Amino acid sequence: MIFKVGCVASVWAVAVPLLLSAQSQPAIRMPDNLPEPVGEEMRVSASELDTALADGNVVLLDVREPWELEKFGTRKGYINIPLGELEARLGELSKEQVVLTA
C-alpha cells in the first residue's frame, strides 16, 4: 500500500509542474479560414528541397509564434510571420520566389 501511495505522489510531483507550465504558455493563434491540408502532389520531397535551395529561388517561411522561436529556436535565413498574421502580411513575401513552410 505504501508503494502505491508513493507512486501516485511521484506521478503528481512530475505531472503538476508539467501541467502548470503548459497552462502558462501563450496560445498559438490560428486563423479561422485555414485551407485543407495539401495532398501529396503539393508536398516537396527532400531531393526537390535540395534542388530549390541550391537554386536560391526559395523563401523559407516559419509560421510559428515568437515565443515558439524563443523556446525552440529557428534557422538562419528563415522569415518569421506567425500563422495568425500571415494573411495580413502576405505583401512581405516575394512573388518571384517559391515560398516553403513546414
N, C-alpha and C. Protein backbone atom coordinates (compact mmCIF):
# COMPACT_ATOMS: atom_id res chain seq x y z
N MET A 1 0.81 -1.20 0.00
CA MET A 1 0.00 0.00 0.00
C MET A 1 0.86 1.26 0.00
N ILE A 2 1.92 1.26 0.77
CA ILE A 2 2.80 2.43 0.81
C ILE A 2 3.41 2.68 -0.58
N PHE A 3 3.76 1.61 -1.29
CA PHE A 3 4.34 1.75 -2.62
C PHE A 3 3.37 2.44 -3.57
N LYS A 4 2.09 2.10 -3.50
CA LYS A 4 1.10 2.73 -4.38
C LYS A 4 0.96 4.21 -4.08
N VAL A 5 0.92 4.56 -2.82
CA VAL A 5 0.81 5.98 -2.46
C VAL A 5 2.04 6.72 -2.92
N GLY A 6 3.21 6.13 -2.70
CA GLY A 6 4.45 6.76 -3.16
C GLY A 6 4.46 6.94 -4.66
N CYS A 7 3.94 5.95 -5.38
CA CYS A 7 3.90 6.01 -6.83
C CYS A 7 2.97 7.13 -7.29
N VAL A 8 1.80 7.23 -6.68
CA VAL A 8 0.85 8.29 -7.03
C VAL A 8 1.46 9.65 -6.71
N ALA A 9 2.12 9.74 -5.57
CA ALA A 9 2.75 11.01 -5.19
C ALA A 9 3.83 11.38 -6.20
N SER A 10 4.58 10.38 -6.66
CA SER A 10 5.63 10.64 -7.65
C SER A 10 5.03 11.13 -8.95
N VAL A 11 3.93 10.52 -9.37
CA VAL A 11 3.27 10.94 -10.60
C VAL A 11 2.81 12.38 -10.47
N TRP A 12 2.20 12.72 -9.34
CA TRP A 12 1.74 14.09 -9.15
C TRP A 12 2.90 15.07 -9.08
N ALA A 13 4.01 14.64 -8.49
CA ALA A 13 5.17 15.52 -8.39
C ALA A 13 5.71 15.88 -9.77
N VAL A 14 5.55 14.98 -10.72
CA VAL A 14 6.01 15.23 -12.08
C VAL A 14 4.92 15.91 -12.90
N ALA A 15 3.68 15.42 -12.79
CA ALA A 15 2.59 15.88 -13.65
C ALA A 15 2.16 17.32 -13.35
N VAL A 16 2.07 17.70 -12.10
CA VAL A 16 1.56 19.03 -11.74
C VAL A 16 2.45 20.15 -12.31
N PRO A 17 3.78 20.09 -12.14
CA PRO A 17 4.59 21.16 -12.75
C PRO A 17 4.48 21.19 -14.27
N LEU A 18 4.37 20.02 -14.90
CA LEU A 18 4.21 20.00 -16.36
C LEU A 18 2.89 20.64 -16.77
N LEU A 19 1.83 20.33 -16.06
CA LEU A 19 0.53 20.92 -16.38
C LEU A 19 0.54 22.42 -16.16
N LEU A 20 1.17 22.86 -15.09
CA LEU A 20 1.22 24.30 -14.80
C LEU A 20 2.04 25.03 -15.85
N SER A 21 3.15 24.45 -16.29
CA SER A 21 3.96 25.13 -17.31
C SER A 21 3.24 25.15 -18.65
N ALA A 22 2.47 24.11 -18.96
CA ALA A 22 1.72 24.08 -20.22
C ALA A 22 0.62 25.14 -20.20
N GLN A 23 0.01 25.37 -19.06
CA GLN A 23 -1.06 26.35 -18.96
C GLN A 23 -0.52 27.77 -19.06
N SER A 24 0.73 27.98 -18.66
CA SER A 24 1.26 29.34 -18.65
C SER A 24 1.83 29.77 -20.00
N GLN A 25 1.92 28.85 -20.98
CA GLN A 25 2.44 29.22 -22.29
C GLN A 25 1.39 29.98 -23.08
N PRO A 26 1.84 30.95 -23.86
CA PRO A 26 0.89 31.68 -24.71
C PRO A 26 0.23 30.74 -25.71
N ALA A 27 -0.91 31.13 -26.17
CA ALA A 27 -1.64 30.31 -27.14
C ALA A 27 -1.05 30.49 -28.53
N ILE A 28 -1.26 29.48 -29.36
CA ILE A 28 -0.90 29.57 -30.76
C ILE A 28 -2.12 30.13 -31.48
N ARG A 29 -1.93 31.27 -32.15
CA ARG A 29 -3.05 31.91 -32.84
C ARG A 29 -3.31 31.19 -34.16
N MET A 30 -4.55 30.83 -34.40
CA MET A 30 -4.93 30.14 -35.63
C MET A 30 -6.01 30.94 -36.34
N PRO A 31 -5.82 31.23 -37.61
CA PRO A 31 -6.88 31.93 -38.36
C PRO A 31 -8.11 31.04 -38.51
N ASP A 32 -9.24 31.66 -38.68
CA ASP A 32 -10.49 30.92 -38.83
C ASP A 32 -10.66 30.31 -40.21
N ASN A 33 -9.92 30.81 -41.18
CA ASN A 33 -10.14 30.39 -42.56
C ASN A 33 -9.00 29.54 -43.13
N LEU A 34 -8.46 28.62 -42.34
CA LEU A 34 -7.37 27.78 -42.83
C LEU A 34 -7.87 26.84 -43.93
N PRO A 35 -7.09 26.68 -44.99
CA PRO A 35 -7.49 25.74 -46.04
C PRO A 35 -7.23 24.30 -45.59
N GLU A 36 -7.73 23.37 -46.34
CA GLU A 36 -7.47 21.97 -46.06
C GLU A 36 -5.98 21.69 -46.29
N PRO A 37 -5.41 20.73 -45.59
CA PRO A 37 -4.00 20.39 -45.84
C PRO A 37 -3.80 19.97 -47.29
N VAL A 38 -2.61 20.23 -47.81
CA VAL A 38 -2.33 19.87 -49.20
C VAL A 38 -2.13 18.37 -49.34
N GLY A 39 -2.40 17.88 -50.53
CA GLY A 39 -2.20 16.46 -50.83
C GLY A 39 -0.75 16.18 -51.16
N GLU A 40 -0.45 14.93 -51.36
CA GLU A 40 0.92 14.51 -51.66
C GLU A 40 1.48 15.21 -52.91
N GLU A 41 0.61 15.51 -53.89
CA GLU A 41 1.09 16.14 -55.12
C GLU A 41 1.65 17.53 -54.90
N MET A 42 1.30 18.17 -53.77
CA MET A 42 1.79 19.51 -53.47
C MET A 42 2.96 19.51 -52.48
N ARG A 43 3.28 18.36 -51.94
CA ARG A 43 4.37 18.28 -50.97
C ARG A 43 5.72 18.26 -51.67
N VAL A 44 6.72 18.78 -51.00
CA VAL A 44 8.07 18.86 -51.56
C VAL A 44 8.90 17.72 -50.97
N SER A 45 9.52 16.95 -51.85
CA SER A 45 10.39 15.86 -51.39
C SER A 45 11.74 16.43 -50.96
N ALA A 46 12.51 15.62 -50.29
CA ALA A 46 13.84 16.07 -49.84
C ALA A 46 14.72 16.45 -51.02
N SER A 47 14.68 15.67 -52.09
CA SER A 47 15.52 15.99 -53.25
C SER A 47 15.06 17.27 -53.94
N GLU A 48 13.74 17.50 -54.00
CA GLU A 48 13.22 18.74 -54.57
C GLU A 48 13.62 19.94 -53.72
N LEU A 49 13.61 19.75 -52.41
CA LEU A 49 14.02 20.82 -51.50
C LEU A 49 15.49 21.15 -51.70
N ASP A 50 16.34 20.13 -51.81
CA ASP A 50 17.76 20.36 -52.05
C ASP A 50 17.97 21.15 -53.33
N THR A 51 17.25 20.78 -54.39
CA THR A 51 17.38 21.47 -55.68
C THR A 51 16.93 22.92 -55.56
N ALA A 52 15.80 23.14 -54.92
CA ALA A 52 15.27 24.50 -54.76
C ALA A 52 16.23 25.36 -53.94
N LEU A 53 16.78 24.80 -52.88
CA LEU A 53 17.72 25.57 -52.05
C LEU A 53 18.99 25.89 -52.82
N ALA A 54 19.45 24.95 -53.63
CA ALA A 54 20.66 25.18 -54.43
C ALA A 54 20.42 26.28 -55.47
N ASP A 55 19.21 26.35 -56.02
CA ASP A 55 18.88 27.40 -57.00
C ASP A 55 18.80 28.78 -56.35
N GLY A 56 18.54 28.82 -55.05
CA GLY A 56 18.46 30.09 -54.34
C GLY A 56 17.19 30.88 -54.61
N ASN A 57 16.22 30.26 -55.23
CA ASN A 57 14.98 30.96 -55.55
C ASN A 57 13.87 30.57 -54.59
N VAL A 58 14.22 30.42 -53.31
CA VAL A 58 13.29 29.92 -52.31
C VAL A 58 13.29 30.82 -51.09
N VAL A 59 12.11 31.05 -50.54
CA VAL A 59 11.94 31.73 -49.26
C VAL A 59 11.48 30.66 -48.26
N LEU A 60 12.19 30.56 -47.16
CA LEU A 60 11.80 29.62 -46.11
C LEU A 60 10.99 30.40 -45.07
N LEU A 61 9.74 30.04 -44.93
CA LEU A 61 8.80 30.76 -44.07
C LEU A 61 8.52 29.96 -42.82
N ASP A 62 8.75 30.57 -41.69
CA ASP A 62 8.48 29.96 -40.38
C ASP A 62 7.22 30.63 -39.83
N VAL A 63 6.15 29.87 -39.66
CA VAL A 63 4.87 30.44 -39.26
C VAL A 63 4.58 30.28 -37.76
N ARG A 64 5.62 29.96 -36.99
CA ARG A 64 5.41 29.81 -35.55
C ARG A 64 5.34 31.17 -34.86
N GLU A 65 4.80 31.16 -33.66
CA GLU A 65 4.70 32.36 -32.83
C GLU A 65 6.08 32.75 -32.30
N PRO A 66 6.30 34.04 -32.00
CA PRO A 66 7.60 34.46 -31.48
C PRO A 66 8.04 33.68 -30.25
N TRP A 67 7.11 33.37 -29.35
CA TRP A 67 7.51 32.62 -28.15
C TRP A 67 7.98 31.22 -28.51
N GLU A 68 7.46 30.65 -29.59
CA GLU A 68 7.91 29.33 -30.03
C GLU A 68 9.34 29.40 -30.56
N LEU A 69 9.66 30.49 -31.26
CA LEU A 69 11.02 30.67 -31.76
C LEU A 69 12.00 30.79 -30.60
N GLU A 70 11.61 31.54 -29.57
CA GLU A 70 12.47 31.70 -28.40
C GLU A 70 12.68 30.37 -27.70
N LYS A 71 11.62 29.58 -27.60
CA LYS A 71 11.71 28.32 -26.88
C LYS A 71 12.42 27.23 -27.68
N PHE A 72 12.12 27.12 -28.98
CA PHE A 72 12.62 26.01 -29.78
C PHE A 72 13.70 26.40 -30.79
N GLY A 73 13.90 27.70 -31.00
CA GLY A 73 14.91 28.15 -31.95
C GLY A 73 14.38 28.18 -33.38
N THR A 74 15.21 28.70 -34.26
CA THR A 74 14.86 28.80 -35.67
C THR A 74 16.13 28.59 -36.48
N ARG A 75 16.05 28.77 -37.77
CA ARG A 75 17.20 28.61 -38.65
C ARG A 75 17.55 29.96 -39.27
N LYS A 76 18.82 30.18 -39.52
CA LYS A 76 19.27 31.40 -40.15
C LYS A 76 18.66 31.50 -41.55
N GLY A 77 18.16 32.68 -41.88
CA GLY A 77 17.59 32.91 -43.20
C GLY A 77 16.09 32.70 -43.29
N TYR A 78 15.48 32.10 -42.29
CA TYR A 78 14.03 31.91 -42.30
C TYR A 78 13.36 33.25 -42.06
N ILE A 79 12.23 33.45 -42.68
CA ILE A 79 11.39 34.62 -42.43
C ILE A 79 10.29 34.17 -41.47
N ASN A 80 10.08 34.92 -40.40
CA ASN A 80 9.02 34.56 -39.45
C ASN A 80 7.83 35.47 -39.62
N ILE A 81 6.70 34.88 -39.98
CA ILE A 81 5.41 35.55 -39.98
C ILE A 81 4.46 34.56 -39.30
N PRO A 82 4.04 34.84 -38.07
CA PRO A 82 3.15 33.90 -37.38
C PRO A 82 1.90 33.60 -38.21
N LEU A 83 1.45 32.37 -38.14
CA LEU A 83 0.31 31.92 -38.93
C LEU A 83 -0.90 32.83 -38.77
N GLY A 84 -1.14 33.29 -37.55
CA GLY A 84 -2.28 34.16 -37.30
C GLY A 84 -2.18 35.52 -37.98
N GLU A 85 -0.98 35.91 -38.44
CA GLU A 85 -0.76 37.20 -39.10
C GLU A 85 -0.50 37.05 -40.60
N LEU A 86 -0.43 35.82 -41.08
CA LEU A 86 0.03 35.58 -42.45
C LEU A 86 -0.81 36.28 -43.51
N GLU A 87 -2.12 36.18 -43.43
CA GLU A 87 -2.97 36.79 -44.45
C GLU A 87 -2.72 38.30 -44.54
N ALA A 88 -2.61 38.95 -43.39
CA ALA A 88 -2.41 40.41 -43.38
C ALA A 88 -1.01 40.81 -43.83
N ARG A 89 -0.05 39.87 -43.78
CA ARG A 89 1.34 40.20 -44.09
C ARG A 89 1.86 39.55 -45.36
N LEU A 90 0.98 39.02 -46.19
CA LEU A 90 1.42 38.36 -47.43
C LEU A 90 2.25 39.27 -48.32
N GLY A 91 2.01 40.57 -48.27
CA GLY A 91 2.75 41.52 -49.08
C GLY A 91 4.24 41.55 -48.76
N GLU A 92 4.64 41.01 -47.62
CA GLU A 92 6.05 40.97 -47.25
C GLU A 92 6.82 39.87 -47.96
N LEU A 93 6.10 38.96 -48.61
CA LEU A 93 6.75 37.84 -49.29
C LEU A 93 6.91 38.13 -50.77
N SER A 94 8.01 37.67 -51.31
CA SER A 94 8.28 37.87 -52.73
C SER A 94 7.36 37.02 -53.59
N LYS A 95 6.84 37.61 -54.63
CA LYS A 95 6.02 36.86 -55.58
C LYS A 95 6.90 36.15 -56.61
N GLU A 96 8.18 36.49 -56.61
CA GLU A 96 9.11 35.93 -57.59
C GLU A 96 9.80 34.66 -57.08
N GLN A 97 9.63 34.36 -55.81
CA GLN A 97 10.29 33.19 -55.23
C GLN A 97 9.27 32.16 -54.75
N VAL A 98 9.71 30.92 -54.70
CA VAL A 98 8.90 29.85 -54.14
C VAL A 98 8.94 29.99 -52.63
N VAL A 99 7.77 29.91 -51.98
CA VAL A 99 7.71 30.00 -50.52
C VAL A 99 7.48 28.60 -49.98
N LEU A 100 8.39 28.16 -49.12
CA LEU A 100 8.27 26.85 -48.49
C LEU A 100 8.10 27.03 -47.00
N THR A 101 7.21 26.26 -46.42
CA THR A 101 6.99 26.29 -44.99
C THR A 101 6.73 24.87 -44.51
N ALA A 102 6.88 24.70 -43.22
CA ALA A 102 6.60 23.37 -42.64
C ALA A 102 5.58 23.52 -41.54
